[in-house]
Each structure stands twice: as C-alpha cells, then as structure tokens.
Amino acid sequence: MARGAAIAMTPVLTIVGASGSGKTTLMERLIPELRSQALVVAAIKHTHHDVDLEEPHKDSWRFREAGAERVILVTRRWRFTVEPMPEPPDLGELVATAGLGVDLVLIEGFKRFELPAIEVWRSAVSERPQRAADDPRLLALVTEEEPPADWRAVPRLPPEDTAGIANRIRAWRDAGRLRV
C-alpha cells in the first residue's frame, strides 16, 4: 500500500509546489471561499522548520524535561500537545485527528505522499512543476504562466480565481473521490 493510501474517509487534498510558489497564500484564500460554500475545513501545515511552543524553563517545558511522555498546553483559544513524534509523521493519524467533524482537510505540503493534489507553480521558483503531469491524483495546476508542453492537458487555473479553484475542489469532493 502506498504511503498515505490508508487516510480516513474525510476528503483530503494537498496543496503542493516548491517553496515560495504561493501555497500558503492559496490556502489562505481557499479556506474562506470553501467556508462560504458551507464546507467545514481543517488545515494541516507541514514545515521543515523547527517550531518550539515551549519556552525554556516555563511549566510545560519543565514537565517535559522532568520526563512526561506527553504534555498538553491549553490556552483560552488553543490546545497544543507536545510529544515525541515518529519520523516521518504519521499522516493518517494527523488526518484522522484533523478530519473529525469536518467536510474537507486541506494539507499544505507532504508532497511525497500519494494524495489528491493541486499544484501551485511559478517558473521563477522552479523550472517545472513537481508532480508528474499524468498523475491521476492531480486536480489542477494553479499558475498564471504557460506550463511546460507536457503539462498543457492538465486543467489550469489562475491563482486569483479562488472561486474557480474552490468550485473544482467542491466538484471533486462531491463526486465522492474520497479515497486515494
């Protein structure tokens, strides 16, 4: 079974592309557009940067340093779980958690997983799109530019056409293409 193939029944779509291609900006625009279509959306962001939610010598840091296997930090608005994570992260587990009670999970990144995807591409950032043009899981290429010749059969949408991109996602979701 391919990595990512056993993802939950919640529709999962990843937004892929090279760093700086506009993935975050696209997701930031898509989420309210999809919400306006009465969809409840969850988002997962994959980053290669270290992010530390624990301030050294503060309580949660002290609990972890003391040997707690898992520490949950709760604020008025957020709950963070700090625990050891296997490498690579178990995307199925992340989606199962994020997908509870939602209509769609959008993921930025995790491009190596074989998931339905929309690719964001700009030639100034990368010479070619990262996915193969004949990948059956590819819904569209989001770009303002003319793609390489082998990509011309892939549906192409301009990044500013947020409604059109959201409609394509909604049609894919409503067609029942829930499994990878």
C-alpha atoms as a PDB file:
ATOM      1  CA  MET A   1       0.000   0.000   0.000  1.00  0.00           C
ATOM      2  CA  ALA A   2       1.369   3.438  -0.902  1.00  0.00           C
ATOM      3  CA  ARG A   3       2.173   5.894   1.853  1.00  0.00           C
ATOM      4  CA  GLY A   4      -0.881   7.972   2.583  1.00  0.00           C
ATOM      5  CA  ALA A   5      -3.234   5.433   0.978  1.00  0.00           C
ATOM      6  CA  ALA A   6      -4.975   4.494   4.219  1.00  0.00           C
ATOM      7  CA  ILE A   7      -6.110   8.018   5.049  1.00  0.00           C
ATOM      8  CA  ALA A   8      -9.514   8.441   6.717  1.00  0.00           C
ATOM      9  CA  MET A   9     -12.823   8.820   4.882  1.00  0.00           C
ATOM     10  CA  THR A  10     -12.749  12.604   5.165  1.00  0.00           C
ATOM     11  CA  PRO A  11     -11.758  14.030   1.765  1.00  0.00           C
ATOM     12  CA  VAL A  12      -8.112  15.045   1.870  1.00  0.00           C
ATOM     13  CA  LEU A  13      -6.474  17.355  -0.648  1.00  0.00           C
ATOM     14  CA  THR A  14      -2.897  18.529  -0.547  1.00  0.00           C
ATOM     15  CA  ILE A  15      -1.630  21.806  -1.976  1.00  0.00           C
ATOM     16  CA  VAL A  16       1.872  21.175  -3.316  1.00  0.00           C
ATOM     17  CA  GLY A  17       4.574  23.185  -5.014  1.00  0.00           C
ATOM     18  CA  ALA A  18       8.058  24.484  -4.489  1.00  0.00           C
ATOM     19  CA  SER A  19       8.849  26.761  -1.572  1.00  0.00           C
ATOM     20  CA  GLY A  20       7.751  30.285  -2.452  1.00  0.00           C
ATOM     21  CA  SER A  21       5.280  29.198  -5.135  1.00  0.00           C
ATOM     22  CA  GLY A  22       2.212  30.559  -3.297  1.00  0.00           C
ATOM     23  CA  LYS A  23       0.829  27.504  -1.468  1.00  0.00           C
ATOM     24  CA  THR A  24       0.127  29.316   1.807  1.00  0.00           C
ATOM     25  CA  THR A  25      -1.449  32.289   0.038  1.00  0.00           C
ATOM     26  CA  LEU A  26      -3.687  29.948  -1.965  1.00  0.00           C
ATOM     27  CA  MET A  27      -4.820  28.069   1.161  1.00  0.00           C
ATOM     28  CA  GLU A  28      -5.417  31.345   2.982  1.00  0.00           C
ATOM     29  CA  ARG A  29      -7.777  32.384   0.164  1.00  0.00           C
ATOM     30  CA  LEU A  30      -9.376  28.970  -0.349  1.00  0.00           C
ATOM     31  CA  ILE A  31     -10.439  28.365   3.248  1.00  0.00           C
ATOM     32  CA  PRO A  32     -12.903  31.293   3.465  1.00  0.00           C
ATOM     33  CA  GLU A  33     -14.134  30.573  -0.074  1.00  0.00           C
ATOM     34  CA  LEU A  34     -14.853  26.934   0.819  1.00  0.00           C
ATOM     35  CA  ARG A  35     -16.470  28.039   4.087  1.00  0.00           C
ATOM     36  CA  SER A  36     -18.743  30.354   2.086  1.00  0.00           C
ATOM     37  CA  GLN A  37     -19.903  27.184   0.289  1.00  0.00           C
ATOM     38  CA  ALA A  38     -20.922  25.742   3.698  1.00  0.00           C
ATOM     39  CA  LEU A  39     -17.928  23.406   3.981  1.00  0.00           C
ATOM     40  CA  VAL A  40     -16.178  22.915   7.307  1.00  0.00           C
ATOM     41  CA  VAL A  41     -12.454  22.875   6.537  1.00  0.00           C
ATOM     42  CA  ALA A  42      -9.446  21.716   8.566  1.00  0.00           C
ATOM     43  CA  ALA A  43      -5.874  22.575   7.619  1.00  0.00           C
ATOM     44  CA  ILE A  44      -2.598  20.770   8.184  1.00  0.00           C
ATOM     45  CA  LYS A  45       0.667  22.596   7.525  1.00  0.00           C
ATOM     46  CA  HIS A  46       3.895  20.672   7.011  1.00  0.00           C
ATOM     47  CA  THR A  47       7.050  22.648   7.734  1.00  0.00           C
ATOM     48  CA  HIS A  48      10.707  21.763   7.684  1.00  0.00           C
ATOM     49  CA  HIS A  49      11.435  24.497  10.226  1.00  0.00           C
ATOM     50  CA  ASP A  50      11.760  23.828  13.923  1.00  0.00           C
ATOM     51  CA  VAL A  51       8.929  25.419  15.881  1.00  0.00           C
ATOM     52  CA  ASP A  52       9.157  25.346  19.642  1.00  0.00           C
ATOM     53  CA  LEU A  53       5.966  26.078  21.564  1.00  0.00           C
ATOM     54  CA  GLU A  54       7.672  25.514  24.869  1.00  0.00           C
ATOM     55  CA  GLU A  55       9.504  28.441  26.328  1.00  0.00           C
ATOM     56  CA  PRO A  56      12.564  27.164  28.228  1.00  0.00           C
ATOM     57  CA  HIS A  57      12.067  26.971  31.981  1.00  0.00           C
ATOM     58  CA  LYS A  58       8.290  27.568  31.749  1.00  0.00           C
ATOM     59  CA  ASP A  59       5.906  24.997  33.198  1.00  0.00           C
ATOM     60  CA  SER A  60       5.220  22.830  30.130  1.00  0.00           C
ATOM     61  CA  TRP A  61       8.940  22.771  29.302  1.00  0.00           C
ATOM     62  CA  ARG A  62       9.696  21.747  32.873  1.00  0.00           C
ATOM     63  CA  PHE A  63       7.144  18.901  32.727  1.00  0.00           C
ATOM     64  CA  ARG A  64       8.709  17.555  29.521  1.00  0.00           C
ATOM     65  CA  GLU A  65      12.193  17.923  30.920  1.00  0.00           C
ATOM     66  CA  ALA A  66      11.036  16.023  34.021  1.00  0.00           C
ATOM     67  CA  GLY A  67      10.118  13.097  31.767  1.00  0.00           C
ATOM     68  CA  ALA A  68       6.426  13.453  30.892  1.00  0.00           C
ATOM     69  CA  GLU A  69       5.747  11.441  27.735  1.00  0.00           C
ATOM     70  CA  ARG A  70       3.074  13.916  26.595  1.00  0.00           C
ATOM     71  CA  VAL A  71       2.332  17.456  27.725  1.00  0.00           C
ATOM     72  CA  ILE A  72      -0.853  19.272  26.719  1.00  0.00           C
ATOM     73  CA  LEU A  73      -0.674  23.050  26.886  1.00  0.00           C
ATOM     74  CA  VAL A  74      -4.099  24.715  26.970  1.00  0.00           C
ATOM     75  CA  THR A  75      -4.767  28.414  26.400  1.00  0.00           C
ATOM     76  CA  ARG A  76      -8.063  30.276  26.102  1.00  0.00           C
ATOM     77  CA  ARG A  77      -8.096  29.589  22.351  1.00  0.00           C
ATOM     78  CA  TRP A  78      -5.779  26.654  21.640  1.00  0.00           C
ATOM     79  CA  ARG A  79      -4.686  23.241  22.792  1.00  0.00           C
ATOM     80  CA  PHE A  80      -1.188  22.067  21.923  1.00  0.00           C
ATOM     81  CA  THR A  81       0.098  18.562  22.507  1.00  0.00           C
ATOM     82  CA  VAL A  82       3.830  18.277  22.897  1.00  0.00           C
ATOM     83  CA  GLU A  83       5.020  14.710  22.492  1.00  0.00           C
ATOM     84  CA  PRO A  84       7.655  12.724  20.650  1.00  0.00           C
ATOM     85  CA  MET A  85       6.651  12.227  17.031  1.00  0.00           C
ATOM     86  CA  PRO A  86       7.791   9.363  14.821  1.00  0.00           C
ATOM     87  CA  GLU A  87       9.760  10.241  11.738  1.00  0.00           C
ATOM     88  CA  PRO A  88       8.208  10.704   9.287  1.00  0.00           C
ATOM     89  CA  PRO A  89       4.966  11.877  10.859  1.00  0.00           C
ATOM     90  CA  ASP A  90       2.030   9.505  10.589  1.00  0.00           C
ATOM     91  CA  LEU A  91      -0.132  11.458   8.172  1.00  0.00           C
ATOM     92  CA  GLY A  92      -3.048   9.067   8.614  1.00  0.00           C
ATOM     93  CA  GLU A  93      -3.122   9.830  12.333  1.00  0.00           C
ATOM     94  CA  LEU A  94      -2.881  13.583  11.698  1.00  0.00           C
ATOM     95  CA  VAL A  95      -5.751  13.448   9.199  1.00  0.00           C
ATOM     96  CA  ALA A  96      -7.861  11.274  11.487  1.00  0.00           C
ATOM     97  CA  THR A  97      -7.491  13.913  14.199  1.00  0.00           C
ATOM     98  CA  ALA A  98      -7.967  16.934  11.920  1.00  0.00           C
ATOM     99  CA  GLY A  99     -10.806  15.287   9.992  1.00  0.00           C
ATOM    100  CA  LEU A 100     -13.155  14.834  12.938  1.00  0.00           C
ATOM    101  CA  GLY A 101     -16.363  16.699  12.157  1.00  0.00           C
ATOM    102  CA  VAL A 102     -15.113  18.436   9.018  1.00  0.00           C
ATOM    103  CA  ASP A 103     -16.027  18.177   5.347  1.00  0.00           C
ATOM    104  CA  LEU A 104     -12.531  18.591   3.913  1.00  0.00           C
ATOM    105  CA  VAL A 105      -8.929  18.501   5.102  1.00  0.00           C
ATOM    106  CA  LEU A 106      -6.529  20.740   3.179  1.00  0.00           C
ATOM    107  CA  ILE A 107      -2.858  19.934   3.614  1.00  0.00           C
ATOM    108  CA  GLU A 108      -0.021  22.209   2.662  1.00  0.00           C
ATOM    109  CA  GLY A 109       2.963  20.099   1.799  1.00  0.00           C
ATOM    110  CA  PHE A 110       3.534  16.392   2.364  1.00  0.00           C
ATOM    111  CA  LYS A 111       4.229  16.320  -1.366  1.00  0.00           C
ATOM    112  CA  ARG A 112       5.823  12.870  -1.214  1.00  0.00           C
ATOM    113  CA  PHE A 113       2.556  11.273  -0.130  1.00  0.00           C
ATOM    114  CA  GLU A 114       0.372   9.934  -2.904  1.00  0.00           C
ATOM    115  CA  LEU A 115      -2.654  12.121  -2.239  1.00  0.00           C
ATOM    116  CA  PRO A 116      -5.023  14.071  -4.445  1.00  0.00           C
ATOM    117  CA  ALA A 117      -3.353  17.409  -5.092  1.00  0.00           C
ATOM    118  CA  ILE A 118      -3.446  20.818  -6.604  1.00  0.00           C
ATOM    119  CA  GLU A 119      -0.023  22.061  -7.606  1.00  0.00           C
ATOM    120  CA  VAL A 120       0.934  25.741  -7.420  1.00  0.00           C
ATOM    121  CA  TRP A 121       3.688  26.586  -9.902  1.00  0.00           C
ATOM    122  CA  ARG A 122       5.724  29.649 -10.841  1.00  0.00           C
ATOM    123  CA  SER A 123       8.672  29.373 -13.221  1.00  0.00           C
ATOM    124  CA  ALA A 124      10.609  31.953 -11.178  1.00  0.00           C
ATOM    125  CA  VAL A 125      10.601  29.457  -8.279  1.00  0.00           C
ATOM    126  CA  SER A 126      11.030  26.128 -10.091  1.00  0.00           C
ATOM    127  CA  GLU A 127      11.717  25.179 -13.684  1.00  0.00           C
ATOM    128  CA  ARG A 128       8.962  22.560 -13.779  1.00  0.00           C
ATOM    129  CA  PRO A 129       6.013  21.535 -11.616  1.00  0.00           C
ATOM    130  CA  GLN A 130       6.923  18.873  -9.078  1.00  0.00           C
ATOM    131  CA  ARG A 131       4.230  16.288  -9.789  1.00  0.00           C
ATOM    132  CA  ALA A 132       4.105  14.285 -12.995  1.00  0.00           C
ATOM    133  CA  ALA A 133       1.648  15.774 -15.480  1.00  0.00           C
ATOM    134  CA  ASP A 134      -0.044  12.384 -15.942  1.00  0.00           C
ATOM    135  CA  ASP A 135      -0.573  11.830 -12.190  1.00  0.00           C
ATOM    136  CA  PRO A 136      -4.249  10.783 -11.928  1.00  0.00           C
ATOM    137  CA  ARG A 137      -4.477  12.380  -8.465  1.00  0.00           C
ATOM    138  CA  LEU A 138      -3.648  15.845  -9.826  1.00  0.00           C
ATOM    139  CA  LEU A 139      -6.775  18.027  -9.911  1.00  0.00           C
ATOM    140  CA  ALA A 140      -5.263  21.170 -11.383  1.00  0.00           C
ATOM    141  CA  LEU A 141      -2.207  23.325 -11.883  1.00  0.00           C
ATOM    142  CA  VAL A 142      -2.544  26.786 -10.349  1.00  0.00           C
ATOM    143  CA  THR A 143      -0.416  29.222 -12.324  1.00  0.00           C
ATOM    144  CA  GLU A 144      -0.545  32.454 -14.295  1.00  0.00           C
ATOM    145  CA  GLU A 145       2.044  31.125 -16.737  1.00  0.00           C
ATOM    146  CA  GLU A 146       2.079  28.832 -19.739  1.00  0.00           C
ATOM    147  CA  PRO A 147       3.188  25.455 -18.330  1.00  0.00           C
ATOM    148  CA  PRO A 148       5.727  23.143 -19.962  1.00  0.00           C
ATOM    149  CA  ALA A 149       4.352  21.382 -23.055  1.00  0.00           C
ATOM    150  CA  ASP A 150       3.678  18.068 -21.289  1.00  0.00           C
ATOM    151  CA  TRP A 151       1.537  19.912 -18.712  1.00  0.00           C
ATOM    152  CA  ARG A 152      -0.854  21.585 -21.154  1.00  0.00           C
ATOM    153  CA  ALA A 153      -3.509  18.858 -20.782  1.00  0.00           C
ATOM    154  CA  VAL A 154      -3.700  19.412 -17.004  1.00  0.00           C
ATOM    155  CA  PRO A 155      -6.550  21.752 -16.017  1.00  0.00           C
ATOM    156  CA  ARG A 156      -5.003  25.144 -15.300  1.00  0.00           C
ATOM    157  CA  LEU A 157      -6.444  27.864 -13.102  1.00  0.00           C
ATOM    158  CA  PRO A 158      -5.027  31.301 -12.294  1.00  0.00           C
ATOM    159  CA  PRO A 159      -4.168  31.851  -8.610  1.00  0.00           C
ATOM    160  CA  GLU A 160      -6.542  34.798  -8.319  1.00  0.00           C
ATOM    161  CA  ASP A 161      -9.509  32.617  -9.393  1.00  0.00           C
ATOM    162  CA  THR A 162     -10.162  31.450  -5.841  1.00  0.00           C
ATOM    163  CA  ALA A 163     -13.837  30.743  -6.569  1.00  0.00           C
ATOM    164  CA  GLY A 164     -12.940  28.633  -9.615  1.00  0.00           C
ATOM    165  CA  ILE A 165     -10.358  26.644  -7.644  1.00  0.00           C
ATOM    166  CA  ALA A 166     -12.824  26.155  -4.774  1.00  0.00           C
ATOM    167  CA  ASN A 167     -15.507  25.028  -7.244  1.00  0.00           C
ATOM    168  CA  ARG A 168     -13.094  22.471  -8.715  1.00  0.00           C
ATOM    169  CA  ILE A 169     -12.324  21.178  -5.205  1.00  0.00           C
ATOM    170  CA  ARG A 170     -16.032  21.076  -4.354  1.00  0.00           C
ATOM    171  CA  ALA A 171     -16.844  19.147  -7.550  1.00  0.00           C
ATOM    172  CA  TRP A 172     -14.049  16.649  -6.798  1.00  0.00           C
ATOM    173  CA  ARG A 173     -15.282  16.261  -3.217  1.00  0.00           C
ATOM    174  CA  ASP A 174     -18.936  15.939  -4.199  1.00  0.00           C
ATOM    175  CA  ALA A 175     -18.053  13.315  -6.847  1.00  0.00           C
ATOM    176  CA  GLY A 176     -17.127  11.049  -3.952  1.00  0.00           C
ATOM    177  CA  ARG A 177     -13.433  10.798  -4.683  1.00  0.00           C
ATOM    178  CA  LEU A 178     -12.720  10.313  -1.013  1.00  0.00           C
ATOM    179  CA  ARG A 179     -10.170   7.525  -1.237  1.00  0.00           C
ATOM    180  CA  VAL A 180      -6.705   7.733  -2.704  1.00  0.00           C
END
